[in-house]
Structure formats: structure tokens, C-alpha cells
Amino acid sequence: MFRRIRITVLLLLLLVIGLAAFRDKIYGTQWDAPYVIALYPSNGDGSAVAEQYVSSLTLADFTPLEKFFQDEAREYGVSLDRPMQFTLAGQLRALPPLPPTHSPNIASVMLWSLHFRWWAWSTPPKPPAPTPRIRMFMLFYDPKLNSVLDHSTGLAKGRLGIAHLFASKDLAGSNQTIIAHELLHTLGATDKYDLQTNQPRYPDGFAEPGTIPRYPQRFAELMAGRIPVSAQEAKIPESLKEVLIGPATAAEIGWQKR
């Protein structure tokens, strides 16, 4: 009996995920209506600092994020006034399952992806209206206890993301850059940096690849994540004011240059 129940639950899971994937494939990345993004804040490390920070968050804290996408979309001829519309859900108490970190392989990553999508469908509380097209789970950590955070991730299948962030107002700008990066992953954008060195790849990983001299660049390309200073050095932008969306990334998410 238990085996039959388990098989039934698994089949339901596959059906739900399959229908969601089919819907995403049919509708693709269209910009005829705003992409509503629900942001779920949570205490990632259980610390008092992270708890206080999460409790203090308001939707206004993410206004720069919405304005960034508004300004960048306008550069590519997107006519929507608010191409991305953010809503802030209540604090999430149950943390999402995290991707495998120890010797991950295709099978373990696929299993985690299924688990994550099932969790996202069944566990988080209902976000505020309107119904979101993307859900981003933000895990905040006390920077004094966590000098380095796990890698954030975004899934195009299911339009889901996990962002590991610092619980600090001083780092709000870099936090929003991470959120923006993962959001574009959910829309099909790819990384544009060397996975071994973290250096932006030329030319698609450069915000202004045509500048002479090539270095230093003034901005980071969002999916490259760093500002190229030299052929061997790149720095992390402090906020979205130092970030642009390049043509290759824009094409991946369905934006067209004027």
C-alpha cells in the first residue's frame, strides 16, 4: 500500500512539473504583460541579525531592482512601463531544498530540481496578488558569521530561483545584483563568465565591448557579474548602478535592440 501511495505521489509530481514545463514552452518569454515576481525572504542561518533584517524588509527596499529592469528594457524597445513587477511575500519559515554541493552529477542535479519544484508548488505560503510568473526565494545570512555564501541559482523550468544574500543594508546593492542575475536565469539567460576564473568572457560578458582601450570597463554585464578591470582582474559591482544588460543577454530573454 505504501509503495502504491509513493508511486501515485511521484506520478502527480511529474504531471504537475510536466504541465508547468509545457506551459513555459508554449508561451516562451513574452513581454506582452509584466513579469510578476514574488520575493520570499527567509532567515538563512537562523541568526538574530538575519531575523531582524528580514523582519525589517519592505517592498520599497526593492524599488531599485524594478527600476533597473525598467530602464534596461527601455533601451531595447520594450514598451511596458513595468516589465518586471515585484511583490513581497511574508517571511518564509521552511527553507527550500538546496542544490547538491558534494560531487554533483546529472542525476543528483535532476533529482534536486524535481524536489525543488515540488517543494515550491506545495510548501510556500500563497504570495500577494497578482499571481507571480517567477518566484525568488531569498535566504539572508549574518555577514559576520558567513564571509562567503553558497552559489545562488535560477531555474528556467518552473521559473524559480534561490538567492543567498547578506543581511546588511550596506550590501543591499550587491544583493540586488545577485537577485537580478538569477531572475534572468529563470528567463533563459546564460552565464557569460569563465567558470574557472570568474572573468567575464569577451565580447558577450562585456557591457561595452567596443570601447577603446578595452580595459578598464565602466560597467558589469549582468550575466557576467563583474566589471572587467584588466585581462586578469574584475571587480564585483557595488550596486545595479554599475550594471548593464548586454545585447546577447537581451536576445536570450526576448528583448530586441531598436
Protein backbone atom coordinates (compact mmCIF):
# COMPACT_ATOMS: atom_id res chain seq x y z
CA MET A 1 0.00 0.00 0.00
CA PHE A 2 2.79 2.44 0.92
CA ARG A 3 4.54 1.69 -2.37
CA ARG A 4 1.37 2.48 -4.34
CA ILE A 5 0.92 5.76 -2.50
CA ARG A 6 4.53 6.71 -3.18
CA ILE A 7 4.17 5.90 -6.88
CA THR A 8 0.92 7.89 -7.08
CA VAL A 9 2.53 10.92 -5.44
CA LEU A 10 5.50 10.68 -7.81
CA LEU A 11 3.22 10.49 -10.84
CA LEU A 12 1.29 13.54 -9.63
CA LEU A 13 4.57 15.39 -9.13
CA LEU A 14 5.73 14.56 -12.65
CA LEU A 15 2.34 15.60 -14.05
CA VAL A 16 2.41 18.98 -12.30
CA ILE A 17 6.00 19.65 -13.36
CA GLY A 18 5.31 18.47 -16.89
CA LEU A 19 2.31 20.78 -17.26
CA ALA A 20 4.36 23.72 -15.97
CA ALA A 21 7.19 22.96 -18.40
CA PHE A 22 4.70 22.64 -21.28
CA ARG A 23 3.15 25.99 -20.38
CA ASP A 24 6.56 27.69 -20.30
CA LYS A 25 7.46 26.15 -23.66
CA ILE A 26 4.22 27.25 -25.30
CA TYR A 27 4.26 30.81 -24.03
CA GLY A 28 8.04 31.21 -24.05
CA THR A 29 9.48 34.54 -22.97
CA GLN A 30 6.88 37.08 -24.00
CA TRP A 31 6.76 40.72 -22.98
CA ASP A 32 3.12 41.50 -23.68
CA ALA A 33 2.45 41.74 -19.94
CA PRO A 34 4.64 42.38 -16.89
CA TYR A 35 6.50 39.50 -15.32
CA VAL A 36 5.26 39.46 -11.74
CA ILE A 37 7.97 38.27 -9.36
CA ALA A 38 7.19 37.14 -5.83
CA LEU A 39 10.10 37.64 -3.44
CA TYR A 40 10.16 35.31 -0.44
CA PRO A 41 12.55 36.47 2.33
CA SER A 42 13.87 33.98 4.90
CA ASN A 43 16.43 33.67 7.68
CA GLY A 44 19.11 31.54 6.06
CA ASP A 45 21.35 30.88 9.06
CA GLY A 46 18.93 31.19 11.98
CA SER A 47 20.83 34.17 13.40
CA ALA A 48 19.28 37.09 15.27
CA VAL A 49 20.87 39.53 12.79
CA ALA A 50 19.27 37.82 9.79
CA GLU A 51 15.93 37.56 11.61
CA GLN A 52 15.88 41.28 12.38
CA TYR A 53 16.94 42.16 8.83
CA VAL A 54 14.25 40.01 7.22
CA SER A 55 11.61 41.44 9.54
CA SER A 56 12.58 44.97 8.52
CA LEU A 57 12.26 44.43 4.76
CA THR A 58 9.55 46.23 2.81
CA LEU A 59 8.66 46.24 -0.86
CA ALA A 60 10.19 49.72 -1.16
CA ASP A 61 13.62 48.17 -0.50
CA PHE A 62 13.40 46.54 -3.93
CA THR A 63 12.40 49.64 -5.89
CA PRO A 64 15.94 49.95 -7.38
CA LEU A 65 15.60 46.41 -8.73
CA GLU A 66 12.34 47.17 -10.51
CA LYS A 67 13.70 50.47 -11.86
CA PHE A 68 16.82 48.72 -13.19
CA PHE A 69 14.76 46.39 -15.36
CA GLN A 70 12.50 49.25 -16.39
CA ASP A 71 15.47 51.32 -17.60
CA GLU A 72 17.25 48.42 -19.31
CA ALA A 73 14.09 47.20 -21.05
CA ARG A 74 13.51 50.68 -22.44
CA GLU A 75 16.95 50.57 -24.06
CA TYR A 76 15.81 47.51 -26.02
CA GLY A 77 12.45 48.88 -27.09
CA VAL A 78 10.24 47.05 -24.59
CA SER A 79 7.12 49.19 -24.37
CA LEU A 80 5.89 48.03 -20.96
CA ASP A 81 6.13 50.66 -18.22
CA ARG A 82 6.91 47.95 -15.65
CA PRO A 83 8.32 44.90 -17.42
CA MET A 84 9.04 43.34 -14.04
CA GLN A 85 6.67 43.93 -11.17
CA PHE A 86 7.80 42.81 -7.72
CA THR A 87 5.70 41.70 -4.77
CA LEU A 88 6.98 40.83 -1.31
CA ALA A 89 5.61 37.70 0.31
CA GLY A 90 5.61 37.02 4.03
CA GLN A 91 8.68 35.58 5.72
CA LEU A 92 9.35 32.02 4.67
CA ARG A 93 9.98 29.69 7.60
CA ALA A 94 10.63 26.45 5.68
CA LEU A 95 13.83 26.82 3.65
CA PRO A 96 13.95 25.47 0.09
CA PRO A 97 16.00 22.36 -0.71
CA LEU A 98 19.46 23.42 -1.84
CA PRO A 99 21.30 22.03 -4.87
CA PRO A 100 23.87 19.27 -4.26
CA THR A 101 27.35 20.59 -3.49
CA HIS A 102 29.41 17.43 -2.94
CA SER A 103 30.41 15.82 -6.25
CA PRO A 104 27.16 16.73 -8.06
CA ASN A 105 26.29 14.77 -11.17
CA ILE A 106 23.49 14.96 -13.72
CA ALA A 107 21.30 12.53 -11.81
CA SER A 108 21.65 14.31 -8.45
CA VAL A 109 21.02 17.72 -10.02
CA MET A 110 17.93 16.46 -11.84
CA LEU A 111 16.61 14.88 -8.64
CA TRP A 112 17.18 18.12 -6.74
CA SER A 113 15.44 20.10 -9.50
CA LEU A 114 12.37 17.88 -9.24
CA HIS A 115 12.44 18.13 -5.44
CA PHE A 116 12.77 21.92 -5.55
CA ARG A 117 9.91 22.35 -8.00
CA TRP A 118 7.67 20.08 -5.94
CA TRP A 119 8.62 21.97 -2.77
CA ALA A 120 7.89 25.34 -4.45
CA TRP A 121 4.49 24.08 -5.57
CA SER A 122 3.47 22.57 -2.26
CA THR A 123 5.19 24.39 0.62
CA PRO A 124 5.48 28.22 0.49
CA PRO A 125 2.50 30.35 1.54
CA LYS A 126 0.46 31.99 -1.16
CA PRO A 127 2.11 35.25 -2.28
CA PRO A 128 0.20 38.52 -2.59
CA ALA A 129 -1.77 39.17 -5.79
CA PRO A 130 -1.29 39.27 -8.73
CA THR A 131 -0.26 35.68 -9.38
CA PRO A 132 3.53 35.60 -9.91
CA ARG A 133 5.17 34.22 -13.03
CA ILE A 134 8.52 33.94 -11.21
CA ARG A 135 9.28 33.11 -7.57
CA MET A 136 12.58 34.04 -5.95
CA PHE A 137 13.47 32.63 -2.53
CA MET A 138 15.88 34.96 -0.73
CA LEU A 139 17.99 33.46 2.06
CA PHE A 140 19.69 36.07 4.25
CA TYR A 141 22.80 35.48 6.38
CA ASP A 142 24.65 37.41 9.07
CA PRO A 143 27.80 38.69 7.27
CA LYS A 144 29.85 38.39 10.48
CA LEU A 145 29.09 34.67 10.62
CA ASN A 146 29.27 33.99 6.88
CA SER A 147 32.06 35.66 4.93
CA VAL A 148 31.32 33.54 1.83
CA LEU A 149 27.88 32.41 0.71
CA ASP A 150 26.75 29.45 -1.35
CA HIS A 151 26.21 29.91 -5.06
CA SER A 152 22.77 31.25 -5.94
CA THR A 153 20.75 29.59 -8.67
CA GLY A 154 17.89 30.21 -11.08
CA LEU A 155 15.85 27.63 -12.98
CA ALA A 156 14.13 28.38 -16.28
CA LYS A 157 11.99 25.27 -15.84
CA GLY A 158 9.48 26.32 -13.23
CA ARG A 159 10.70 29.95 -13.16
CA LEU A 160 12.23 29.53 -9.71
CA GLY A 161 15.33 30.94 -8.03
CA ILE A 162 17.30 30.78 -4.79
CA ALA A 163 19.42 33.80 -3.83
CA HIS A 164 21.93 33.65 -0.96
CA LEU A 165 22.29 37.19 0.38
CA PHE A 166 23.86 39.16 3.21
CA ALA A 167 21.62 40.58 5.95
CA SER A 168 23.07 44.07 5.71
CA LYS A 169 21.70 47.39 4.44
CA ASP A 170 25.21 48.29 3.34
CA LEU A 171 25.21 45.30 0.97
CA ALA A 172 21.70 45.80 -0.38
CA GLY A 173 23.10 46.94 -3.73
CA SER A 174 25.17 43.80 -4.31
CA ASN A 175 22.26 41.67 -3.05
CA GLN A 176 20.00 43.13 -5.71
CA THR A 177 22.60 42.47 -8.39
CA ILE A 178 22.56 38.80 -7.39
CA ILE A 179 18.76 38.70 -7.46
CA ALA A 180 18.69 40.33 -10.91
CA HIS A 181 21.26 37.81 -12.21
CA GLU A 182 19.25 34.82 -11.00
CA LEU A 183 15.98 36.30 -12.28
CA LEU A 184 17.38 36.38 -15.79
CA HIS A 185 18.43 32.75 -15.45
CA THR A 186 14.76 31.93 -14.88
CA LEU A 187 14.04 33.62 -18.24
CA GLY A 188 16.68 31.61 -20.10
CA ALA A 189 19.73 33.89 -19.89
CA THR A 190 23.09 32.12 -19.62
CA ASP A 191 26.23 32.92 -17.64
CA LYS A 192 28.82 34.95 -19.51
CA TYR A 193 31.91 34.42 -17.41
CA ASP A 194 34.64 31.80 -17.35
CA LEU A 195 33.65 29.18 -14.79
CA GLN A 196 37.29 28.56 -13.86
CA THR A 197 38.47 32.14 -13.38
CA ASN A 198 35.18 34.07 -12.94
CA GLN A 199 36.49 36.53 -15.52
CA PRO A 200 33.85 37.97 -17.90
CA ARG A 201 34.03 36.43 -21.38
CA TYR A 202 34.73 38.77 -24.27
CA PRO A 203 32.67 40.07 -26.03
CA ASP A 204 29.31 38.87 -24.63
CA GLY A 205 30.40 39.27 -21.00
CA PHE A 206 31.38 42.91 -21.50
CA ALA A 207 28.85 45.71 -21.04
CA GLU A 208 30.74 47.90 -23.54
CA PRO A 209 32.84 45.54 -25.68
CA GLY A 210 33.54 48.17 -28.32
CA THR A 211 35.36 50.65 -26.08
CA ILE A 212 38.99 51.50 -26.84
CA PRO A 213 41.02 50.74 -24.87
CA ARG A 214 39.14 47.62 -23.80
CA TYR A 215 40.15 47.98 -20.15
CA PRO A 216 39.04 49.13 -17.69
CA GLN A 217 35.32 48.76 -18.33
CA ARG A 218 32.89 51.10 -16.59
CA PHE A 219 30.10 48.59 -16.04
CA ALA A 220 29.46 44.92 -15.44
CA GLU A 221 27.33 42.91 -17.85
CA LEU A 222 24.64 41.41 -15.61
CA MET A 223 25.19 37.77 -16.58
CA ALA A 224 28.97 38.15 -16.34
CA GLY A 225 28.64 39.56 -12.83
CA ARG A 226 31.88 41.54 -12.69
CA ILE A 227 33.42 44.72 -14.07
CA PRO A 228 36.50 43.84 -16.17
CA VAL A 229 39.40 45.93 -14.92
CA SER A 230 42.13 44.15 -16.85
CA ALA A 231 42.59 40.86 -18.71
CA GLN A 232 43.28 39.18 -15.35
CA GLU A 233 41.17 41.20 -12.91
CA ALA A 234 37.48 42.01 -12.47
CA LYS A 235 35.64 43.57 -9.55
CA ILE A 236 32.16 42.93 -8.16
CA PRO A 237 29.76 45.85 -8.75
CA GLU A 238 28.52 47.58 -5.62
CA SER A 239 25.02 48.12 -6.98
CA LEU A 240 22.88 47.92 -10.10
CA LYS A 241 24.06 51.44 -11.00
CA GLU A 242 27.26 49.73 -12.19
CA VAL A 243 25.46 47.06 -14.24
CA LEU A 244 24.04 46.83 -17.78
CA ILE A 245 22.29 44.10 -19.77
CA GLY A 246 24.25 43.33 -22.92
CA PRO A 247 22.80 42.50 -26.37
CA ALA A 248 23.45 38.75 -26.12
CA THR A 249 21.62 38.52 -22.80
CA ALA A 250 18.80 40.74 -24.08
CA ALA A 251 18.30 38.43 -27.06
CA GLU A 252 18.16 35.38 -24.79
CA ILE A 253 15.26 36.83 -22.79
CA GLY A 254 13.33 38.06 -25.82
CA TRP A 255 14.35 41.71 -25.98
CA GLN A 256 15.22 43.20 -29.34
CA LYS A 257 17.52 46.13 -29.99
CA ARG A 258 15.87 49.11 -31.62
